[in-house]
Amino acid sequence: MFNKIKKIYAFFRSTFIDQRKYIYLNLELDQFDNSFVRDNEGLNIHLADISDKEKIKADLYPYFDNQQNYFKQYLSFDDNDVLCYLASKETKIVHYFLVFKNAKNSPLNKTRFKTKIGNYDRAAYLGNAFTISSERGGWIVLQVLSVIINELKISYNVKNALVLVHPDTPRALKFYQRLGFKRVY
């Protein structure tokens, strides 16, 4: 019973309290600076599909915390508007990055930013990203993000990418700003 109350509180907090704290950023995809991208030898990046589902469960789920547990619902591959990019080393998946091709149909629509989404031409929402702890610091996110932005521009005709950053993660804010993301809210 206590765990159920704890989960309800965590959901309430993330939905109604924490979302007010987020910093909203936008990137015009033509402005993306990929000069920071470093090649990570042996990293294989691909767009996930249903055949990856069991491998994701085996390789990533054991590392998930409450935030990633919430995003499991988007790893079901039931929604064609959600893209999941995976990064693997050798035979193990070490990273995922969720992308919502249409920001209007994303979790952003449940935040205070929903009234502003329409201001961005053909916008995608760069959702949750996760790297297992032993692989952090290896430039994986940057490499995956470079692939994502390239594919959003070419394959999906997306013009803007929106992202949320929690103020408790100043390094994440600096990371995105260094890539050309601008604070919008």
Protein backbone atom coordinates (compact mmCIF):
# COMPACT_ATOMS: atom_id res chain seq x y z
CA MET A 1 0.00 0.00 0.00
CA PHE A 2 2.83 2.39 0.89
CA ASN A 3 4.52 1.81 -2.50
CA LYS A 4 1.28 2.60 -4.30
CA ILE A 5 0.93 5.89 -2.38
CA LYS A 6 4.57 6.67 -3.13
CA LYS A 7 3.99 6.11 -6.87
CA ILE A 8 0.85 8.27 -6.87
CA TYR A 9 2.73 11.06 -5.11
CA ALA A 10 5.62 10.80 -7.57
CA PHE A 11 3.18 11.03 -10.50
CA PHE A 12 1.35 13.98 -8.90
CA ARG A 13 4.63 15.75 -8.22
CA SER A 14 5.98 15.24 -11.75
CA THR A 15 2.68 16.23 -13.35
CA PHE A 16 1.61 19.21 -11.29
CA ILE A 17 4.57 20.50 -9.31
CA ASP A 18 7.84 19.71 -11.09
CA GLN A 19 6.63 20.70 -14.57
CA ARG A 20 6.42 24.32 -13.43
CA LYS A 21 10.17 24.26 -12.78
CA TYR A 22 11.28 23.04 -16.18
CA ILE A 23 13.23 25.17 -18.62
CA TYR A 24 11.90 24.89 -22.15
CA LEU A 25 14.37 25.06 -25.02
CA ASN A 26 14.04 25.21 -28.80
CA LEU A 27 16.44 24.46 -31.59
CA GLU A 28 15.89 25.41 -35.20
CA LEU A 29 17.32 22.25 -36.75
CA ASP A 30 19.16 24.14 -39.46
CA GLN A 31 21.10 25.84 -36.64
CA PHE A 32 22.36 22.61 -35.07
CA ASP A 33 26.08 22.72 -34.40
CA ASN A 34 27.42 19.21 -34.82
CA SER A 35 31.06 20.26 -34.60
CA PHE A 36 31.09 18.86 -31.06
CA VAL A 37 30.29 15.32 -32.22
CA ARG A 38 33.08 12.87 -31.51
CA ASP A 39 33.08 9.37 -32.88
CA ASN A 40 32.62 6.73 -30.23
CA GLU A 41 34.29 3.63 -31.63
CA GLY A 42 32.05 0.60 -31.72
CA LEU A 43 28.80 2.52 -31.12
CA ASN A 44 25.89 1.37 -33.26
CA ILE A 45 22.93 3.77 -33.43
CA HIS A 46 19.63 2.73 -34.94
CA LEU A 47 15.93 3.43 -34.85
CA ALA A 48 14.29 0.80 -32.68
CA ASP A 49 11.39 -1.36 -33.75
CA ILE A 50 9.30 -4.11 -32.20
CA SER A 51 12.10 -6.65 -32.70
CA ASP A 52 14.21 -4.69 -30.18
CA LYS A 53 11.60 -4.87 -27.41
CA GLU A 54 12.95 -7.92 -25.54
CA LYS A 55 16.54 -6.72 -25.87
CA ILE A 56 15.55 -3.33 -24.37
CA LYS A 57 13.92 -5.14 -21.45
CA ALA A 58 16.99 -7.28 -20.85
CA ASP A 59 19.66 -4.61 -21.32
CA LEU A 60 18.06 -1.42 -20.02
CA TYR A 61 15.18 -2.16 -17.65
CA PRO A 62 17.45 -3.35 -14.81
CA TYR A 63 18.97 0.16 -14.70
CA PHE A 64 15.69 2.10 -14.69
CA ASP A 65 14.56 4.36 -11.87
CA ASN A 66 11.06 5.86 -11.41
CA GLN A 67 11.49 8.35 -14.23
CA GLN A 68 12.48 5.69 -16.75
CA ASN A 69 9.73 3.41 -15.46
CA TYR A 70 7.23 6.12 -16.44
CA PHE A 71 8.67 6.22 -19.97
CA LYS A 72 8.41 2.43 -20.44
CA GLN A 73 4.96 3.04 -21.89
CA TYR A 74 6.58 4.70 -24.90
CA LEU A 75 8.89 1.75 -25.47
CA SER A 76 5.91 -0.40 -26.48
CA PHE A 77 6.17 0.65 -30.14
CA ASP A 78 2.39 1.06 -30.34
CA ASP A 79 2.57 4.73 -31.30
CA ASN A 80 3.83 5.69 -34.76
CA ASP A 81 4.50 9.26 -33.57
CA VAL A 82 7.13 8.07 -31.09
CA LEU A 83 10.61 7.19 -32.28
CA CYS A 84 13.08 5.37 -30.08
CA TYR A 85 16.75 5.58 -30.98
CA LEU A 86 19.05 2.98 -29.48
CA ALA A 87 22.80 2.97 -29.08
CA SER A 88 24.56 -0.36 -28.67
CA LYS A 89 28.10 -1.39 -27.90
CA GLU A 90 28.99 -4.85 -29.08
CA THR A 91 25.74 -6.71 -28.41
CA LYS A 92 24.43 -4.65 -25.49
CA ILE A 93 22.02 -1.69 -25.68
CA VAL A 94 23.52 1.09 -23.54
CA HIS A 95 21.30 4.07 -24.39
CA TYR A 96 17.86 5.08 -25.60
CA PHE A 97 16.45 8.44 -26.68
CA LEU A 98 12.71 8.99 -27.19
CA VAL A 99 11.57 11.43 -29.85
CA PHE A 100 8.00 12.55 -30.46
CA LYS A 101 7.76 13.52 -34.13
CA ASN A 102 4.92 15.95 -33.43
CA ALA A 103 5.32 18.01 -30.26
CA LYS A 104 1.57 18.68 -30.23
CA ASN A 105 0.95 14.95 -29.64
CA SER A 106 3.65 14.54 -27.02
CA PRO A 107 3.85 14.73 -23.22
CA LEU A 108 4.61 18.45 -23.74
CA ASN A 109 0.90 18.84 -24.39
CA LYS A 110 0.32 18.06 -20.70
CA THR A 111 2.59 20.85 -19.47
CA ARG A 112 2.19 24.59 -19.12
CA PHE A 113 4.00 24.88 -22.45
CA LYS A 114 1.06 23.39 -24.41
CA THR A 115 -0.25 26.81 -25.42
CA LYS A 116 3.12 27.73 -26.93
CA ILE A 117 3.78 24.55 -28.97
CA GLY A 118 1.89 25.92 -31.97
CA ASN A 119 4.41 28.78 -32.21
CA TYR A 120 7.02 26.37 -33.55
CA ASP A 121 6.89 25.26 -37.15
CA ARG A 122 6.82 21.48 -37.56
CA ALA A 123 8.25 20.83 -34.11
CA ALA A 124 9.35 17.55 -32.57
CA TYR A 125 9.81 16.96 -28.86
CA LEU A 126 13.06 15.37 -27.74
CA GLY A 127 11.84 13.35 -24.80
CA ASN A 128 13.53 11.18 -22.27
CA ALA A 129 17.06 9.92 -22.84
CA PHE A 130 18.86 7.36 -20.73
CA THR A 131 22.40 5.97 -20.72
CA ILE A 132 23.48 3.17 -18.40
CA SER A 133 25.86 4.51 -15.76
CA SER A 134 28.95 2.63 -16.96
CA GLU A 135 28.72 4.34 -20.37
CA ARG A 136 28.04 7.91 -19.26
CA GLY A 137 30.58 10.50 -20.30
CA GLY A 138 31.37 8.72 -23.54
CA TRP A 139 29.71 11.23 -25.88
CA ILE A 140 26.87 8.81 -26.62
CA VAL A 141 24.06 11.35 -26.20
CA LEU A 142 25.74 13.77 -28.56
CA GLN A 143 26.23 11.14 -31.24
CA VAL A 144 22.64 9.92 -30.94
CA LEU A 145 21.32 13.48 -30.95
CA SER A 146 23.25 14.21 -34.14
CA VAL A 147 21.63 11.20 -35.84
CA ILE A 148 18.18 12.20 -34.53
CA ILE A 149 18.41 15.79 -35.75
CA ASN A 150 19.64 14.71 -39.16
CA GLU A 151 16.80 12.20 -39.55
CA LEU A 152 14.16 14.63 -38.26
CA LYS A 153 15.22 17.14 -40.92
CA ILE A 154 15.57 14.74 -43.82
CA SER A 155 13.02 11.98 -43.19
CA TYR A 156 10.29 13.81 -41.28
CA ASN A 157 10.61 17.42 -42.51
CA VAL A 158 10.81 18.71 -38.93
CA LYS A 159 12.03 22.30 -38.49
CA ASN A 160 12.29 22.68 -34.68
CA ALA A 161 13.20 20.47 -31.75
CA LEU A 162 11.85 21.22 -28.29
CA VAL A 163 13.34 19.90 -25.07
CA LEU A 164 12.71 20.28 -21.34
CA VAL A 165 15.51 20.63 -18.84
CA HIS A 166 15.05 20.51 -15.10
CA PRO A 167 16.85 23.37 -13.32
CA ASP A 168 18.48 20.85 -10.99
CA THR A 169 20.55 19.70 -13.97
CA PRO A 170 22.58 22.79 -14.95
CA ARG A 171 25.02 20.66 -16.93
CA ALA A 172 22.15 19.48 -19.16
CA LEU A 173 21.08 23.07 -19.74
CA LYS A 174 24.63 24.09 -20.71
CA PHE A 175 24.92 21.00 -22.93
CA TYR A 176 21.83 21.88 -24.96
CA GLN A 177 22.67 25.57 -25.12
CA ARG A 178 26.13 24.73 -26.43
CA LEU A 179 24.45 22.85 -29.28
CA GLY A 180 22.38 25.90 -30.22
CA PHE A 181 19.19 25.37 -28.19
CA LYS A 182 17.66 28.65 -27.01
CA ARG A 183 15.62 29.15 -23.85
CA VAL A 184 12.00 29.91 -24.72
CA TYR A 185 10.08 29.55 -21.43
